């Protein structure tokens, strides 16, 4: 178990309602406001953007990122 007996997904629970960034297996980075997630790390993001290497952003709107594509997700 993690610090103080907390589960790893507790970090995402704390981030709910705030912006997070997810690194995907294909090398892309997606940032957006975390609305919800599940045990498979499926992420429901609002105001999502694909973040390019040079900092350029492509608006995606409201999306669900499938959990098996996620390498990691963290608060932005």
Protein backbone atom coordinates (compact mmCIF):
# COMPACT_ATOMS: atom_id res chain seq x y z
CA UNK A 1 0.00 0.00 0.00
CA UNK A 2 0.99 3.59 -0.51
CA UNK A 3 1.71 6.23 2.11
CA UNK A 4 -0.82 6.21 5.00
CA UNK A 5 -2.51 3.12 3.53
CA UNK A 6 -3.88 5.04 0.54
CA UNK A 7 -4.48 3.47 -2.85
CA UNK A 8 -2.63 4.72 -5.94
CA UNK A 9 -5.90 5.93 -7.51
CA UNK A 10 -6.42 8.27 -4.55
CA UNK A 11 -4.03 10.69 -6.28
CA UNK A 12 -6.42 10.89 -9.24
CA UNK A 13 -9.37 11.28 -6.90
CA UNK A 14 -7.67 14.35 -5.42
CA UNK A 15 -7.16 15.70 -8.95
CA UNK A 16 -10.83 15.35 -9.93
CA UNK A 17 -12.13 18.73 -11.09
CA UNK A 18 -8.61 19.96 -11.91
CA UNK A 19 -6.40 19.75 -14.98
CA UNK A 20 -4.39 16.60 -15.49
CA UNK A 21 -2.00 15.48 -18.18
CA UNK A 22 -1.89 11.92 -19.51
CA UNK A 23 1.05 10.47 -21.42
CA UNK A 24 -0.14 7.88 -23.90
CA UNK A 25 1.59 4.80 -25.34
CA UNK A 26 1.76 6.42 -28.79
CA UNK A 27 3.83 9.29 -27.36
CA UNK A 28 1.01 11.84 -27.32
CA UNK A 29 0.17 13.97 -24.31
CA UNK A 30 -3.43 14.88 -23.54
CA UNK A 31 -4.33 17.53 -20.97
CA UNK A 32 -7.75 18.46 -19.66
CA UNK A 33 -10.04 18.84 -16.66
CA UNK A 34 -10.56 15.44 -15.03
CA UNK A 35 -14.28 14.79 -14.66
CA UNK A 36 -14.20 11.07 -13.85
CA UNK A 37 -12.10 7.90 -14.07
CA UNK A 38 -12.45 4.21 -13.32
CA UNK A 39 -10.27 1.31 -12.17
CA UNK A 40 -9.12 0.72 -15.76
CA UNK A 41 -7.76 4.30 -15.84
CA UNK A 42 -10.31 5.36 -18.45
CA UNK A 43 -10.25 9.15 -18.13
CA UNK A 44 -13.16 11.48 -18.89
CA UNK A 45 -11.64 14.88 -19.69
CA UNK A 46 -13.34 18.20 -20.50
CA UNK A 47 -11.65 21.04 -22.40
CA UNK A 48 -9.07 18.49 -23.48
CA UNK A 49 -6.10 19.41 -25.65
CA UNK A 50 -3.41 17.40 -27.38
CA UNK A 51 -0.10 18.95 -26.36
CA UNK A 52 2.62 18.89 -29.03
CA UNK A 53 6.37 18.73 -28.49
CA UNK A 54 6.82 22.43 -29.14
CA UNK A 55 3.99 23.40 -26.80
CA UNK A 56 1.42 23.77 -29.58
CA UNK A 57 -2.05 22.60 -28.60
CA UNK A 58 -4.93 21.06 -30.53
CA UNK A 59 -8.38 21.39 -28.95
CA UNK A 60 -10.26 18.13 -28.53
CA UNK A 61 -13.20 19.18 -26.32
CA UNK A 62 -14.81 16.54 -24.11
CA UNK A 63 -13.21 13.12 -24.55
CA UNK A 64 -12.73 9.74 -22.91
CA UNK A 65 -9.19 8.39 -23.03
CA UNK A 66 -9.16 4.61 -22.91
CA UNK A 67 -7.13 3.43 -19.93
CA UNK A 68 -5.05 0.83 -21.71
CA UNK A 69 -3.52 3.68 -23.78
CA UNK A 70 -2.37 5.56 -20.68
CA UNK A 71 1.22 5.21 -19.45
CA UNK A 72 0.68 7.69 -16.62
CA UNK A 73 -1.56 10.55 -15.60
CA UNK A 74 -0.73 13.33 -13.17
CA UNK A 75 -2.02 16.71 -12.02
CA UNK A 76 -0.79 19.45 -14.33
